[in-house]
Amino acid sequence: MKVVKHSGTIVEFDPKKLKKSLLKSGANSVVVDNILKVIKHEMYDGIPTKQIYIMAFGLLKKASNSNAARYNLRAAIQMLGPAGFFFEKYVARLFASEEYTTRTNLVLQGKCISHEIDVVVKKEGEIAMIECKFHAGRDVVSDVKVPMYILSRFNDLKDTKQSIFTNKDFISKCWIVTNNRFSSDAIAFGICSGINMLSWDYPKNENLRTKIDTDKLYPVTCLTTLSLAEKDKLLVLDVVLASELINNLQSLEQIGLSPNRIKNVLKEVNDLCKNILS
């Protein structure tokens, strides 16, 4: 049976791929097999993959909110837009979880011109600039022009003394982080130029998806017990990670949730983040 991808490409439906993504959400094999049976019964030739995703998400949510939240992860990252301001904050949280000191949205003077820098991080005396490339559509790929341009900005900044964490800082590393993917040429250029790169699926064993699951860095936008408007309100309150709600009951009260809804949200958060709870 043929399905239509987000890009408009028509391909054969691969039930193994769907099953793998459902199992990755944490759902057990019985739940996953039941979901697949329902979806296969509802499918038709030329069905959009987006519709399959919506069906799978709805069925998964009936079984487990936290599993549905994990399944919804990539879409949740895309909700940190539309301009990517909250994605920059999210990236800062990601590096902070790895014991970096972070600052966001700085304007730094280079040798030639000034530059707006999304995130600057420091660890063990080494300072890195991070350029965040946020894309609202999942099919947009960061091509080789992206690292070429960012390398030129890094070269303009790296030998100039900055006031970031102290009054005599020097930037010695450069990162590019995207919520989508890099082209093969972009990756090759990054490796050759010494630029650190992080995307949804790169590097293979330490990509964005892996880091999120390993360190439980789930964005608040993945929670299925909150509406879009409520998620936006939490982001404005600087609640970016779901785990930040664990000891932050007042934020949920502040956005107008009833005690019963707060209980449901916290249950989902606890299920998502249970192995980081102390």
C-alpha atoms as a PDB file:
ATOM      1  CA  MET A   1       0.000   0.000   0.000  1.00  0.00           C
ATOM      2  CA  LYS A   2       1.278   3.482  -0.916  1.00  0.00           C
ATOM      3  CA  VAL A   3       1.557   6.353   1.574  1.00  0.00           C
ATOM      4  CA  VAL A   4       2.337  10.038   1.003  1.00  0.00           C
ATOM      5  CA  LYS A   5       5.155  11.491   3.134  1.00  0.00           C
ATOM      6  CA  HIS A   6       5.305  15.066   4.479  1.00  0.00           C
ATOM      7  CA  SER A   7       7.487  16.028   1.515  1.00  0.00           C
ATOM      8  CA  GLY A   8       4.893  14.743  -0.966  1.00  0.00           C
ATOM      9  CA  THR A   9       6.975  11.682  -1.878  1.00  0.00           C
ATOM     10  CA  ILE A  10       4.960   8.496  -2.419  1.00  0.00           C
ATOM     11  CA  VAL A  11       6.441   5.343  -0.867  1.00  0.00           C
ATOM     12  CA  GLU A  12       5.374   1.872   0.208  1.00  0.00           C
ATOM     13  CA  PHE A  13       3.928   1.669   3.713  1.00  0.00           C
ATOM     14  CA  ASP A  14       6.432   0.059   6.093  1.00  0.00           C
ATOM     15  CA  PRO A  15       4.636  -1.393   9.139  1.00  0.00           C
ATOM     16  CA  LYS A  16       7.999  -2.350  10.708  1.00  0.00           C
ATOM     17  CA  LYS A  17       9.045   1.306  10.790  1.00  0.00           C
ATOM     18  CA  LEU A  18       5.789   2.329  12.453  1.00  0.00           C
ATOM     19  CA  LYS A  19       6.085  -0.508  14.965  1.00  0.00           C
ATOM     20  CA  LYS A  20       9.647   0.519  15.819  1.00  0.00           C
ATOM     21  CA  SER A  21       8.596   4.124  16.499  1.00  0.00           C
ATOM     22  CA  LEU A  22       5.696   2.975  18.681  1.00  0.00           C
ATOM     23  CA  LEU A  23       7.921   0.630  20.699  1.00  0.00           C
ATOM     24  CA  LYS A  24      10.443   3.457  21.138  1.00  0.00           C
ATOM     25  CA  SER A  25       7.712   5.420  22.924  1.00  0.00           C
ATOM     26  CA  GLY A  26       7.830   2.838  25.710  1.00  0.00           C
ATOM     27  CA  ALA A  27       4.558   1.089  24.824  1.00  0.00           C
ATOM     28  CA  ASN A  28       4.580  -2.675  25.258  1.00  0.00           C
ATOM     29  CA  SER A  29       4.272  -5.079  22.333  1.00  0.00           C
ATOM     30  CA  VAL A  30       0.613  -5.930  23.050  1.00  0.00           C
ATOM     31  CA  VAL A  31      -0.437  -2.266  22.920  1.00  0.00           C
ATOM     32  CA  VAL A  32       1.652  -1.692  19.792  1.00  0.00           C
ATOM     33  CA  ASP A  33       0.207  -4.724  17.972  1.00  0.00           C
ATOM     34  CA  ASN A  34      -3.337  -3.581  18.776  1.00  0.00           C
ATOM     35  CA  ILE A  35      -2.596  -0.087  17.452  1.00  0.00           C
ATOM     36  CA  LEU A  36      -1.141  -1.531  14.250  1.00  0.00           C
ATOM     37  CA  LYS A  37      -4.256  -3.665  13.708  1.00  0.00           C
ATOM     38  CA  VAL A  38      -6.554  -0.645  14.031  1.00  0.00           C
ATOM     39  CA  ILE A  39      -4.406   1.484  11.722  1.00  0.00           C
ATOM     40  CA  LYS A  40      -4.147  -1.221   9.041  1.00  0.00           C
ATOM     41  CA  HIS A  41      -7.939  -1.524   9.079  1.00  0.00           C
ATOM     42  CA  GLU A  42      -8.338   2.260   8.592  1.00  0.00           C
ATOM     43  CA  MET A  43      -5.666   2.687   5.928  1.00  0.00           C
ATOM     44  CA  TYR A  44      -6.234   3.312   2.237  1.00  0.00           C
ATOM     45  CA  ASP A  45      -3.944   3.676  -0.762  1.00  0.00           C
ATOM     46  CA  GLY A  46      -2.372   7.159  -0.802  1.00  0.00           C
ATOM     47  CA  ILE A  47      -3.030   7.952   2.861  1.00  0.00           C
ATOM     48  CA  PRO A  48      -0.777  10.770   4.176  1.00  0.00           C
ATOM     49  CA  THR A  49       1.775   9.658   6.757  1.00  0.00           C
ATOM     50  CA  LYS A  50       0.603  12.626   8.850  1.00  0.00           C
ATOM     51  CA  GLN A  51      -2.826  10.994   9.144  1.00  0.00           C
ATOM     52  CA  ILE A  52      -1.235   7.693  10.185  1.00  0.00           C
ATOM     53  CA  TYR A  53       0.736   9.581  12.823  1.00  0.00           C
ATOM     54  CA  ILE A  54      -2.421  11.282  14.147  1.00  0.00           C
ATOM     55  CA  MET A  55      -4.208   7.928  14.414  1.00  0.00           C
ATOM     56  CA  ALA A  56      -1.234   6.291  16.138  1.00  0.00           C
ATOM     57  CA  PHE A  57      -0.838   9.187  18.559  1.00  0.00           C
ATOM     58  CA  GLY A  58      -4.542   9.143  19.481  1.00  0.00           C
ATOM     59  CA  LEU A  59      -4.560   5.394  20.079  1.00  0.00           C
ATOM     60  CA  LEU A  60      -1.318   5.566  22.068  1.00  0.00           C
ATOM     61  CA  LYS A  61      -2.692   8.384  24.224  1.00  0.00           C
ATOM     62  CA  LYS A  62      -5.648   6.176  25.238  1.00  0.00           C
ATOM     63  CA  ALA A  63      -3.171   3.609  26.535  1.00  0.00           C
ATOM     64  CA  SER A  64      -0.617   5.948  28.159  1.00  0.00           C
ATOM     65  CA  ASN A  65      -0.164   9.726  28.217  1.00  0.00           C
ATOM     66  CA  SER A  66       3.577   9.477  28.828  1.00  0.00           C
ATOM     67  CA  ASN A  67       4.110   7.046  25.945  1.00  0.00           C
ATOM     68  CA  ALA A  68       2.126   9.347  23.666  1.00  0.00           C
ATOM     69  CA  ALA A  69       4.294  12.249  24.867  1.00  0.00           C
ATOM     70  CA  ARG A  70       7.462  10.386  23.849  1.00  0.00           C
ATOM     71  CA  TYR A  71       5.923   9.449  20.505  1.00  0.00           C
ATOM     72  CA  ASN A  72       5.083  13.135  19.997  1.00  0.00           C
ATOM     73  CA  LEU A  73       8.632  14.258  20.765  1.00  0.00           C
ATOM     74  CA  ARG A  74       9.743  15.531  17.382  1.00  0.00           C
ATOM     75  CA  ALA A  75       6.525  17.484  16.902  1.00  0.00           C
ATOM     76  CA  ALA A  76       6.963  18.849  20.434  1.00  0.00           C
ATOM     77  CA  ILE A  77      10.395  20.218  19.548  1.00  0.00           C
ATOM     78  CA  GLN A  78       8.812  21.938  16.534  1.00  0.00           C
ATOM     79  CA  MET A  79       6.368  23.626  18.925  1.00  0.00           C
ATOM     80  CA  LEU A  80       9.306  25.566  20.391  1.00  0.00           C
ATOM     81  CA  GLY A  81       8.876  28.014  17.485  1.00  0.00           C
ATOM     82  CA  PRO A  82       7.694  29.616  15.366  1.00  0.00           C
ATOM     83  CA  ALA A  83      10.818  31.802  15.407  1.00  0.00           C
ATOM     84  CA  GLY A  84      12.914  29.409  17.492  1.00  0.00           C
ATOM     85  CA  PHE A  85      13.379  31.646  20.545  1.00  0.00           C
ATOM     86  CA  PHE A  86      12.262  28.890  22.908  1.00  0.00           C
ATOM     87  CA  PHE A  87      14.361  26.338  21.007  1.00  0.00           C
ATOM     88  CA  GLU A  88      17.420  28.410  21.919  1.00  0.00           C
ATOM     89  CA  LYS A  89      16.363  28.270  25.567  1.00  0.00           C
ATOM     90  CA  TYR A  90      15.833  24.531  25.210  1.00  0.00           C
ATOM     91  CA  VAL A  91      19.335  24.058  23.779  1.00  0.00           C
ATOM     92  CA  ALA A  92      20.748  26.023  26.707  1.00  0.00           C
ATOM     93  CA  ARG A  93      18.909  23.657  29.089  1.00  0.00           C
ATOM     94  CA  LEU A  94      20.348  20.678  27.228  1.00  0.00           C
ATOM     95  CA  PHE A  95      23.918  21.908  27.718  1.00  0.00           C
ATOM     96  CA  ALA A  96      23.205  22.933  31.324  1.00  0.00           C
ATOM     97  CA  SER A  97      22.176  19.306  32.002  1.00  0.00           C
ATOM     98  CA  GLU A  98      25.722  18.341  30.974  1.00  0.00           C
ATOM     99  CA  GLU A  99      27.210  20.738  33.545  1.00  0.00           C
ATOM    100  CA  TYR A 100      27.853  23.670  31.229  1.00  0.00           C
ATOM    101  CA  THR A 101      27.310  27.239  32.398  1.00  0.00           C
ATOM    102  CA  THR A 102      25.109  28.934  29.821  1.00  0.00           C
ATOM    103  CA  ARG A 103      24.025  32.347  28.551  1.00  0.00           C
ATOM    104  CA  THR A 104      21.573  33.110  25.763  1.00  0.00           C
ATOM    105  CA  ASN A 105      20.909  35.857  23.212  1.00  0.00           C
ATOM    106  CA  LEU A 106      24.138  37.824  23.357  1.00  0.00           C
ATOM    107  CA  VAL A 107      25.563  40.423  20.990  1.00  0.00           C
ATOM    108  CA  LEU A 108      29.345  40.041  20.778  1.00  0.00           C
ATOM    109  CA  GLN A 109      31.851  42.204  18.957  1.00  0.00           C
ATOM    110  CA  GLY A 110      34.125  40.394  16.537  1.00  0.00           C
ATOM    111  CA  LYS A 111      37.256  41.648  14.822  1.00  0.00           C
ATOM    112  CA  CYS A 112      35.190  43.039  11.940  1.00  0.00           C
ATOM    113  CA  ILE A 113      31.513  43.243  12.971  1.00  0.00           C
ATOM    114  CA  SER A 114      29.158  42.455  15.853  1.00  0.00           C
ATOM    115  CA  HIS A 115      27.249  39.153  15.964  1.00  0.00           C
ATOM    116  CA  GLU A 116      24.035  37.987  17.615  1.00  0.00           C
ATOM    117  CA  ILE A 117      24.852  34.665  19.292  1.00  0.00           C
ATOM    118  CA  ASP A 118      22.054  32.297  20.318  1.00  0.00           C
ATOM    119  CA  VAL A 119      23.805  30.471  23.168  1.00  0.00           C
ATOM    120  CA  VAL A 120      27.259  30.639  24.764  1.00  0.00           C
ATOM    121  CA  VAL A 121      28.416  27.826  27.050  1.00  0.00           C
ATOM    122  CA  LYS A 122      31.393  27.282  29.342  1.00  0.00           C
ATOM    123  CA  LYS A 123      32.819  24.101  30.827  1.00  0.00           C
ATOM    124  CA  GLU A 124      36.213  23.475  32.387  1.00  0.00           C
ATOM    125  CA  GLY A 125      37.402  26.887  31.269  1.00  0.00           C
ATOM    126  CA  GLU A 126      36.524  26.356  27.600  1.00  0.00           C
ATOM    127  CA  ILE A 127      33.912  28.619  25.975  1.00  0.00           C
ATOM    128  CA  ALA A 128      31.823  27.737  22.921  1.00  0.00           C
ATOM    129  CA  MET A 129      29.324  29.637  20.800  1.00  0.00           C
ATOM    130  CA  ILE A 130      26.202  27.785  19.680  1.00  0.00           C
ATOM    131  CA  GLU A 131      24.141  28.645  16.626  1.00  0.00           C
ATOM    132  CA  CYS A 132      20.617  27.182  16.779  1.00  0.00           C
ATOM    133  CA  LYS A 133      18.976  26.409  13.434  1.00  0.00           C
ATOM    134  CA  PHE A 134      15.282  25.942  14.119  1.00  0.00           C
ATOM    135  CA  HIS A 135      12.907  24.716  11.415  1.00  0.00           C
ATOM    136  CA  ALA A 136       9.125  24.628  11.801  1.00  0.00           C
ATOM    137  CA  GLY A 137       8.785  22.055   8.984  1.00  0.00           C
ATOM    138  CA  ARG A 138      10.362  18.648   9.489  1.00  0.00           C
ATOM    139  CA  ASP A 139      11.554  18.262   5.876  1.00  0.00           C
ATOM    140  CA  VAL A 140      13.869  21.296   5.879  1.00  0.00           C
ATOM    141  CA  VAL A 141      17.533  20.241   5.839  1.00  0.00           C
ATOM    142  CA  SER A 142      20.448  22.448   6.904  1.00  0.00           C
ATOM    143  CA  ASP A 143      22.778  22.324   3.908  1.00  0.00           C
ATOM    144  CA  VAL A 144      26.503  23.080   3.591  1.00  0.00           C
ATOM    145  CA  LYS A 145      25.923  26.858   3.411  1.00  0.00           C
ATOM    146  CA  VAL A 146      24.931  26.804   7.094  1.00  0.00           C
ATOM    147  CA  PRO A 147      28.266  25.597   8.574  1.00  0.00           C
ATOM    148  CA  MET A 148      30.201  27.674   6.007  1.00  0.00           C
ATOM    149  CA  TYR A 149      28.440  30.842   7.160  1.00  0.00           C
ATOM    150  CA  ILE A 150      28.704  30.028  10.867  1.00  0.00           C
ATOM    151  CA  LEU A 151      32.402  29.197  10.519  1.00  0.00           C
ATOM    152  CA  SER A 152      33.007  32.711   9.170  1.00  0.00           C
ATOM    153  CA  ARG A 153      31.245  34.203  12.211  1.00  0.00           C
ATOM    154  CA  PHE A 154      33.262  31.990  14.569  1.00  0.00           C
ATOM    155  CA  ASN A 155      36.521  33.042  12.885  1.00  0.00           C
ATOM    156  CA  ASP A 156      35.599  36.705  13.354  1.00  0.00           C
ATOM    157  CA  LEU A 157      34.916  36.158  17.066  1.00  0.00           C
ATOM    158  CA  LYS A 158      37.472  33.616  18.255  1.00  0.00           C
ATOM    159  CA  ASP A 159      40.517  35.885  18.657  1.00  0.00           C
ATOM    160  CA  THR A 160      38.631  38.793  20.226  1.00  0.00           C
ATOM    161  CA  LYS A 161      38.392  39.203  24.008  1.00  0.00           C
ATOM    162  CA  GLN A 162      34.793  39.084  25.215  1.00  0.00           C
ATOM    163  CA  SER A 163      32.866  39.907  28.380  1.00  0.00           C
ATOM    164  CA  ILE A 164      30.598  36.898  28.791  1.00  0.00           C
ATOM    165  CA  PHE A 165      31.259  35.014  32.020  1.00  0.00           C
ATOM    166  CA  THR A 166      34.284  37.171  32.957  1.00  0.00           C
ATOM    167  CA  ASN A 167      35.854  40.280  31.404  1.00  0.00           C
ATOM    168  CA  LYS A 168      38.548  38.298  29.585  1.00  0.00           C
ATOM    169  CA  ASP A 169      36.840  35.437  27.800  1.00  0.00           C
ATOM    170  CA  PHE A 170      37.800  33.949  24.458  1.00  0.00           C
ATOM    171  CA  ILE A 171      35.558  31.706  22.374  1.00  0.00           C
ATOM    172  CA  SER A 172      37.441  28.595  21.283  1.00  0.00           C
ATOM    173  CA  LYS A 173      34.707  26.246  20.036  1.00  0.00           C
ATOM    174  CA  CYS A 174      31.703  26.388  17.765  1.00  0.00           C
ATOM    175  CA  TRP A 175      28.489  24.323  17.732  1.00  0.00           C
ATOM    176  CA  ILE A 176      25.540  24.146  15.377  1.00  0.00           C
ATOM    177  CA  VAL A 177      22.355  22.591  16.762  1.00  0.00           C
ATOM    178  CA  THR A 178      19.267  21.936  14.650  1.00  0.00           C
ATOM    179  CA  ASN A 179      15.947  20.245  15.387  1.00  0.00           C
ATOM    180  CA  ASN A 180      15.984  18.703  11.898  1.00  0.00           C
ATOM    181  CA  ARG A 181      18.818  17.184   9.883  1.00  0.00           C
ATOM    182  CA  PHE A 182      22.080  18.200   8.206  1.00  0.00           C
ATOM    183  CA  SER A 183      22.885  17.349   4.608  1.00  0.00           C
ATOM    184  CA  SER A 184      25.822  14.979   4.046  1.00  0.00           C
ATOM    185  CA  ASP A 185      27.899  17.872   2.656  1.00  0.00           C
ATOM    186  CA  ALA A 186      27.138  19.971   5.737  1.00  0.00           C
ATOM    187  CA  ILE A 187      28.337  17.153   8.001  1.00  0.00           C
ATOM    188  CA  ALA A 188      31.484  16.625   5.897  1.00  0.00           C
ATOM    189  CA  PHE A 189      32.289  20.348   6.027  1.00  0.00           C
ATOM    190  CA  GLY A 190      31.656  20.466   9.774  1.00  0.00           C
ATOM    191  CA  ILE A 191      33.990  17.541  10.427  1.00  0.00           C
ATOM    192  CA  CYS A 192      36.695  19.029   8.196  1.00  0.00           C
ATOM    193  CA  SER A 193      36.365  22.472   9.827  1.00  0.00           C
ATOM    194  CA  GLY A 194      36.218  21.266  13.433  1.00  0.00           C
ATOM    195  CA  ILE A 195      32.655  22.465  14.010  1.00  0.00           C
ATOM    196  CA  ASN A 196      30.605  20.454  16.517  1.00  0.00           C
ATOM    197  CA  MET A 197      27.208  19.520  15.067  1.00  0.00           C
ATOM    198  CA  LEU A 198      24.065  18.165  16.703  1.00  0.00           C
ATOM    199  CA  SER A 199      20.812  17.313  14.942  1.00  0.00           C
ATOM    200  CA  TRP A 200      17.785  15.081  15.382  1.00  0.00           C
ATOM    201  CA  ASP A 201      19.785  12.093  14.080  1.00  0.00           C
ATOM    202  CA  TYR A 202      23.466  13.181  14.189  1.00  0.00           C
ATOM    203  CA  PRO A 203      25.893  12.092  15.594  1.00  0.00           C
ATOM    204  CA  LYS A 204      24.604   8.531  15.380  1.00  0.00           C
ATOM    205  CA  ASN A 205      24.840   7.612  19.073  1.00  0.00           C
ATOM    206  CA  GLU A 206      24.693  11.069  20.668  1.00  0.00           C
ATOM    207  CA  ASN A 207      22.064  12.864  18.613  1.00  0.00           C
ATOM    208  CA  LEU A 208      19.321  15.131  19.862  1.00  0.00           C
ATOM    209  CA  ARG A 209      16.761  12.319  20.112  1.00  0.00           C
ATOM    210  CA  THR A 210      19.162  10.105  22.081  1.00  0.00           C
ATOM    211  CA  LYS A 211      20.165  12.891  24.471  1.00  0.00           C
ATOM    212  CA  ILE A 212      16.529  13.722  25.182  1.00  0.00           C
ATOM    213  CA  ASP A 213      15.614  10.127  26.003  1.00  0.00           C
ATOM    214  CA  THR A 214      18.790   9.398  27.979  1.00  0.00           C
ATOM    215  CA  ASP A 215      18.681  12.524  30.162  1.00  0.00           C
ATOM    216  CA  LYS A 216      14.864  12.907  30.217  1.00  0.00           C
ATOM    217  CA  LEU A 217      15.086  16.347  28.619  1.00  0.00           C
ATOM    218  CA  TYR A 218      11.497  16.295  27.403  1.00  0.00           C
ATOM    219  CA  PRO A 219      10.173  19.745  26.470  1.00  0.00           C
ATOM    220  CA  VAL A 220       7.010  20.868  28.213  1.00  0.00           C
ATOM    221  CA  THR A 221       5.417  20.985  24.740  1.00  0.00           C
ATOM    222  CA  CYS A 222       5.324  17.176  24.553  1.00  0.00           C
ATOM    223  CA  LEU A 223       2.857  16.846  27.446  1.00  0.00           C
ATOM    224  CA  THR A 224      -0.491  15.484  26.276  1.00  0.00           C
ATOM    225  CA  THR A 225      -2.409  16.678  29.356  1.00  0.00           C
ATOM    226  CA  LEU A 226      -1.900  20.348  28.451  1.00  0.00           C
ATOM    227  CA  SER A 227      -3.464  22.422  25.671  1.00  0.00           C
ATOM    228  CA  LEU A 228      -1.343  24.371  23.175  1.00  0.00           C
ATOM    229  CA  ALA A 229      -2.290  27.629  24.878  1.00  0.00           C
ATOM    230  CA  GLU A 230      -1.270  26.259  28.289  1.00  0.00           C
ATOM    231  CA  LYS A 231       2.085  25.098  26.917  1.00  0.00           C
ATOM    232  CA  ASP A 232       2.686  28.561  25.468  1.00  0.00           C
ATOM    233  CA  LYS A 233       1.911  30.151  28.839  1.00  0.00           C
ATOM    234  CA  LEU A 234       4.427  27.875  30.572  1.00  0.00           C
ATOM    235  CA  LEU A 235       7.110  28.734  28.016  1.00  0.00           C
ATOM    236  CA  VAL A 236       6.503  32.438  28.674  1.00  0.00           C
ATOM    237  CA  LEU A 237       6.980  31.666  32.389  1.00  0.00           C
ATOM    238  CA  ASP A 238      10.376  30.130  31.426  1.00  0.00           C
ATOM    239  CA  VAL A 239       9.216  26.571  32.085  1.00  0.00           C
ATOM    240  CA  VAL A 240      10.895  24.794  29.175  1.00  0.00           C
ATOM    241  CA  LEU A 241      11.431  21.228  30.393  1.00  0.00           C
ATOM    242  CA  ALA A 242       8.680  18.943  31.651  1.00  0.00           C
ATOM    243  CA  SER A 243      10.916  18.031  34.603  1.00  0.00           C
ATOM    244  CA  GLU A 244      10.838  21.675  35.738  1.00  0.00           C
ATOM    245  CA  LEU A 245       7.211  21.154  36.748  1.00  0.00           C
ATOM    246  CA  ILE A 246       8.069  18.486  39.337  1.00  0.00           C
ATOM    247  CA  ASN A 247       8.762  21.002  42.108  1.00  0.00           C
ATOM    248  CA  ASN A 248       6.932  23.911  40.494  1.00  0.00           C
ATOM    249  CA  LEU A 249       3.261  23.492  41.324  1.00  0.00           C
ATOM    250  CA  GLN A 250       2.743  27.259  41.342  1.00  0.00           C
ATOM    251  CA  SER A 251       3.384  27.519  37.583  1.00  0.00           C
ATOM    252  CA  LEU A 252       0.501  25.157  36.861  1.00  0.00           C
ATOM    253  CA  GLU A 253      -1.712  27.125  39.237  1.00  0.00           C
ATOM    254  CA  GLN A 254      -0.582  30.382  37.616  1.00  0.00           C
ATOM    255  CA  ILE A 255      -1.782  29.281  34.164  1.00  0.00           C
ATOM    256  CA  GLY A 256      -5.215  28.468  35.614  1.00  0.00           C
ATOM    257  CA  LEU A 257      -5.264  24.673  35.952  1.00  0.00           C
ATOM    258  CA  SER A 258      -7.698  23.077  38.397  1.00  0.00           C
ATOM    259  CA  PRO A 259      -6.353  20.815  41.167  1.00  0.00           C
ATOM    260  CA  ASN A 260      -7.574  17.727  39.293  1.00  0.00           C
ATOM    261  CA  ARG A 261      -5.847  18.772  36.057  1.00  0.00           C
ATOM    262  CA  ILE A 262      -2.663  19.596  37.941  1.00  0.00           C
ATOM    263  CA  LYS A 263      -2.745  16.069  39.332  1.00  0.00           C
ATOM    264  CA  ASN A 264      -3.053  14.616  35.820  1.00  0.00           C
ATOM    265  CA  VAL A 265      -0.218  16.765  34.456  1.00  0.00           C
ATOM    266  CA  LEU A 266       2.103  15.841  37.308  1.00  0.00           C
ATOM    267  CA  LYS A 267       1.335  12.144  36.833  1.00  0.00           C
ATOM    268  CA  GLU A 268       2.360  12.405  33.182  1.00  0.00           C
ATOM    269  CA  VAL A 269       5.526  14.325  34.119  1.00  0.00           C
ATOM    270  CA  ASN A 270       6.414  11.757  36.774  1.00  0.00           C
ATOM    271  CA  ASP A 271       5.933   8.898  34.300  1.00  0.00           C
ATOM    272  CA  LEU A 272       8.137  10.676  31.770  1.00  0.00           C
ATOM    273  CA  CYS A 273      10.895  11.617  34.203  1.00  0.00           C
ATOM    274  CA  LYS A 274      10.656   8.900  36.861  1.00  0.00           C
ATOM    275  CA  ASN A 275      14.323   7.830  36.788  1.00  0.00           C
ATOM    276  CA  ILE A 276      15.539  11.396  37.466  1.00  0.00           C
ATOM    277  CA  LEU A 277      13.328  11.826  40.510  1.00  0.00           C
ATOM    278  CA  SER A 278      15.083  11.641  43.867  1.00  0.00           C
END
